[in-house]
Protein backbone atom coordinates (compact mmCIF):
# COMPACT_ATOMS: atom_id res chain seq x y z
CA MET A 1 81.50 43.68 73.53
CA LYS A 2 79.22 44.14 70.55
CA GLN A 3 76.31 41.83 70.00
CA ASN A 4 75.62 40.88 66.44
CA ASN A 5 72.23 42.36 65.33
CA ASN A 6 72.13 40.86 61.87
CA VAL A 7 69.36 38.29 62.58
CA ASP A 8 68.00 37.55 59.15
CA LEU A 9 68.44 33.87 58.44
CA ILE A 10 68.32 34.51 54.72
CA MET A 11 69.77 37.62 53.07
CA PRO A 12 67.11 39.91 51.50
CA SER A 13 69.10 39.96 48.28
CA GLY A 14 68.30 36.25 47.73
CA TYR A 15 64.43 36.49 48.29
CA LYS A 16 63.68 37.05 44.55
CA SER A 17 65.74 34.10 43.25
CA ILE A 18 64.44 31.82 46.00
CA ALA A 19 60.77 32.85 45.34
CA ILE A 20 60.99 32.36 41.55
CA ALA A 21 62.68 28.87 42.03
CA PHE A 22 60.05 27.65 44.40
CA PHE A 23 57.15 29.17 42.29
CA VAL A 24 58.50 27.36 39.06
CA SER A 25 58.78 24.19 41.10
CA ILE A 26 55.09 24.31 42.34
CA VAL A 27 53.79 25.20 38.86
CA SER A 28 55.91 22.47 37.21
CA PHE A 29 54.66 19.82 39.62
CA LEU A 30 51.05 20.86 39.14
CA LEU A 31 50.93 21.68 35.34
CA ILE A 32 54.12 20.72 33.52
CA CYS A 33 56.29 17.82 34.55
CA ASP A 34 57.85 16.40 37.74
CA THR A 35 61.43 16.51 36.37
CA LEU A 36 61.33 20.37 35.88
CA GLY A 37 59.65 20.60 39.29
CA TRP A 38 62.51 18.69 40.94
CA ILE A 39 65.19 20.73 39.06
CA ALA A 40 63.51 23.94 40.22
CA LEU A 41 63.14 22.70 43.81
CA LEU A 42 66.84 21.72 43.98
CA ALA A 43 67.69 25.22 42.59
CA GLY A 44 65.47 26.88 45.35
CA LEU A 45 67.27 24.75 48.04
CA PHE A 46 70.60 25.76 46.58
CA PHE A 47 69.61 29.50 46.69
CA LEU A 48 68.47 29.07 50.29
CA TYR A 49 71.88 27.63 51.13
CA SER A 50 73.82 30.28 49.20
CA TYR A 51 71.97 33.23 50.61
CA ARG A 52 72.06 31.95 54.28
CA ASN A 53 73.34 34.28 56.95
CA PRO A 54 75.67 32.80 59.44
CA ILE A 55 74.58 33.94 62.86
CA LEU A 56 77.37 35.37 65.01
CA GLY A 57 77.40 35.77 68.76
CA PHE A 58 79.71 38.42 70.03
CA ILE A 59 82.54 40.26 68.26
CA PRO A 60 85.16 41.91 70.61
CA LYS A 61 85.06 45.69 70.43
CA ASP A 62 87.97 46.40 72.75
CA GLU A 63 90.60 45.10 70.25
CA LYS A 64 91.96 46.36 66.98
CA ASN A 65 92.13 42.90 65.39
CA ILE A 66 91.43 42.31 61.67
CA TYR A 67 88.86 39.56 61.33
CA ALA A 68 88.15 37.36 58.28
CA PRO A 69 85.66 39.03 56.02
CA ILE A 70 84.22 35.73 54.63
CA GLN A 71 84.39 32.00 54.90
CA GLY A 72 87.08 30.38 52.77
CA LYS A 73 90.56 28.96 52.61
CA ILE A 74 93.85 30.76 52.53
CA SER A 75 95.56 29.94 49.33
CA SER A 76 98.59 32.31 49.61
CA ILE A 77 100.23 34.86 51.86
CA ASP A 78 102.52 37.50 50.31
CA THR A 79 104.44 40.62 51.47
CA LYS A 80 104.86 43.51 49.19
CA ASP A 81 105.31 47.25 49.56
CA ASP A 82 105.48 46.74 53.45
CA LYS A 83 102.05 45.15 53.37
CA TYR A 84 100.75 41.67 54.09
CA LYS A 85 98.48 40.19 51.35
CA VAL A 86 96.29 37.34 52.46
CA TYR A 87 94.48 35.53 49.49
CA ILE A 88 91.29 33.77 50.36
CA ASP A 89 89.63 31.27 47.92
CA VAL A 90 85.75 31.32 48.22
CA ASN A 91 83.81 28.33 46.85
CA LEU A 92 80.10 27.67 46.60
CA CYS A 93 80.11 25.67 49.87
CA ASN A 94 81.19 28.64 51.90
CA ALA A 95 78.92 31.21 53.35
CA HIS A 96 78.90 34.16 50.94
CA VAL A 97 78.03 37.12 53.35
CA LEU A 98 80.79 39.76 53.35
CA ARG A 99 81.40 41.35 56.76
CA ALA A 100 83.56 44.29 57.79
CA PRO A 101 86.93 42.99 59.13
CA LYS A 102 87.27 46.03 61.49
CA ASP A 103 85.82 49.39 62.41
CA GLY A 104 86.18 52.22 59.91
CA LYS A 105 84.84 54.17 56.97
CA PHE A 106 83.61 51.87 54.05
CA LEU A 107 85.02 53.19 50.82
CA ILE A 108 84.49 51.68 47.27
CA LYS A 109 87.65 52.52 45.38
CA LYS A 110 86.55 50.85 42.07
CA ILE A 111 84.32 48.18 40.47
CA ILE A 112 85.21 46.79 37.12
CA HIS A 113 82.67 44.72 35.22
CA GLY A 114 84.02 41.86 33.14
CA LEU A 115 84.01 38.13 32.44
CA ASN A 116 83.74 35.10 34.57
CA LEU A 117 86.74 33.09 33.81
CA CYS A 118 88.43 30.71 36.13
CA HIS A 119 89.90 33.03 38.82
CA ASN A 120 93.14 31.08 39.10
CA THR A 121 94.16 32.14 35.64
CA TYR A 122 96.31 34.95 34.46
CA LYS A 123 93.63 36.19 32.07
CA ALA A 124 91.11 36.34 34.83
CA LYS A 125 93.10 39.00 36.71
CA GLN A 126 92.81 41.15 33.52
CA PHE A 127 89.36 40.46 32.32
CA ASN A 128 87.20 39.20 35.17
CA THR A 129 84.74 41.30 37.21
CA ARG A 130 86.67 42.73 40.12
CA ALA A 131 86.48 45.38 42.80
CA THR A 132 88.47 47.15 45.52
CA ILE A 133 87.24 48.50 48.70
CA LYS A 134 88.96 50.04 51.80
CA ILE A 135 87.97 50.14 55.51
CA ASP A 136 90.35 52.07 57.69
CA ASP A 137 93.79 50.71 56.90
CA VAL A 138 92.53 47.42 55.43
CA LYS A 139 92.19 47.10 51.55
CA MET A 140 90.19 44.24 50.11
CA LYS A 141 90.38 43.21 46.45
CA PHE A 142 87.81 40.89 44.97
CA LEU A 143 88.12 38.74 41.90
CA VAL A 144 85.14 36.89 40.69
CA GLY A 145 85.22 33.19 39.57
CA LEU A 146 83.15 31.04 37.20
CA CYS A 147 80.01 30.84 39.38
CA ASN A 148 79.94 34.51 40.62
CA LYS A 149 77.57 36.68 38.53
CA GLU A 150 78.43 39.91 40.35
CA ILE A 151 79.89 41.60 43.29
CA SER A 152 77.29 43.38 45.42
CA PHE A 153 77.67 45.80 48.36
CA THR A 154 74.90 46.77 50.85
CA LYS A 155 76.77 49.79 52.18
CA GLU A 156 77.24 53.18 50.52
CA SER A 157 80.74 54.54 50.02
CA GLY A 158 81.67 56.73 52.89
CA GLU A 159 79.44 55.02 55.40
CA LYS A 160 80.80 54.18 58.77
CA VAL A 161 80.84 50.41 59.62
CA ASP A 162 81.57 48.36 62.74
CA THR A 163 83.42 45.04 63.04
CA SER A 164 81.22 42.25 61.52
CA ASP A 165 78.58 44.59 59.94
CA ILE A 166 77.29 43.03 56.67
CA ILE A 167 78.74 44.95 53.73
CA GLY A 168 77.82 42.80 50.72
CA MET A 169 77.75 39.39 49.06
CA PHE A 170 80.43 37.42 47.18
CA PHE A 171 79.84 33.89 45.93
CA HIS A 172 82.82 32.47 44.23
CA GLY A 173 86.36 33.59 43.43
CA GLN A 174 89.21 35.10 45.39
CA VAL A 175 89.36 37.88 48.12
CA CYS A 176 92.72 39.57 48.81
CA VAL A 177 93.00 41.27 52.19
CA GLU A 178 95.90 43.88 52.45
CA PHE A 179 97.05 45.47 55.65
CA PRO A 180 100.25 47.33 56.79
CA LYS A 181 103.09 45.10 57.98
CA ASP A 182 104.45 47.60 60.48
CA LYS A 183 101.06 47.78 62.35
CA TYR A 184 100.01 44.19 62.59
CA ASN A 185 101.22 40.67 63.31
CA ILE A 186 99.74 38.16 60.93
CA HIS A 187 97.68 35.48 62.77
CA VAL A 188 97.04 32.88 60.03
CA SER A 189 98.82 30.36 57.72
CA ILE A 190 98.53 29.10 54.24
CA GLY A 191 95.95 26.32 54.14
CA ASP A 192 93.94 27.66 57.12
CA LYS A 193 90.11 27.52 56.79
CA LEU A 194 88.53 30.73 57.90
CA GLU A 195 85.34 31.50 59.81
CA TYR A 196 83.97 34.98 60.49
CA GLU A 197 85.42 34.85 63.97
CA THR A 198 88.95 34.03 62.77
CA LYS A 199 91.55 36.69 63.41
CA LEU A 200 93.61 37.44 60.31
CA ALA A 201 95.99 39.79 62.19
CA THR A 202 96.48 41.41 65.61
CA PRO A 203 97.99 44.82 66.33
CA ARG A 204 101.81 45.07 67.14
CA ASP A 205 102.65 46.21 70.63
């Protein structure tokens, strides 16, 4: 069994935004106006919530399961080219830390910078910011939504990662997890709400 060593309550990538919001809030209350102070304070609290790091206990290491890489809700499950495709919708109320769904080498296949249209539209799939990564035999595709300014990864391409390691941040949009149909049994259904401990798939016997 592997104990989770990611003990930061707030992700370091959020420190700057949080500090600026609270600084503006204090200055506004003291020198400008209370209204701006309250707005900045609420923004700071929102950043605290957005950059929170859900604390995990133990992630099994004696299994070859695929775990959920992020909190969210499954909107669709598809099969194509002998692969399962699990689509996860991520909203602002979910935790936004990306975690490795299994052990393997972290590879960034592509990152395309674009717009922030509603991710449920056809144009979004053509023009929005998107990225593709791969860990072992699991591929993940990210499509940003209206409230996601960027996709950020904390690991270098080619770096070895273990199950549940933090690999980045994703705030709003859709994550598609692909894995071979002949190697795994799918373990979730459409409409399921995912936590980091949720098994997306288990290995076939």
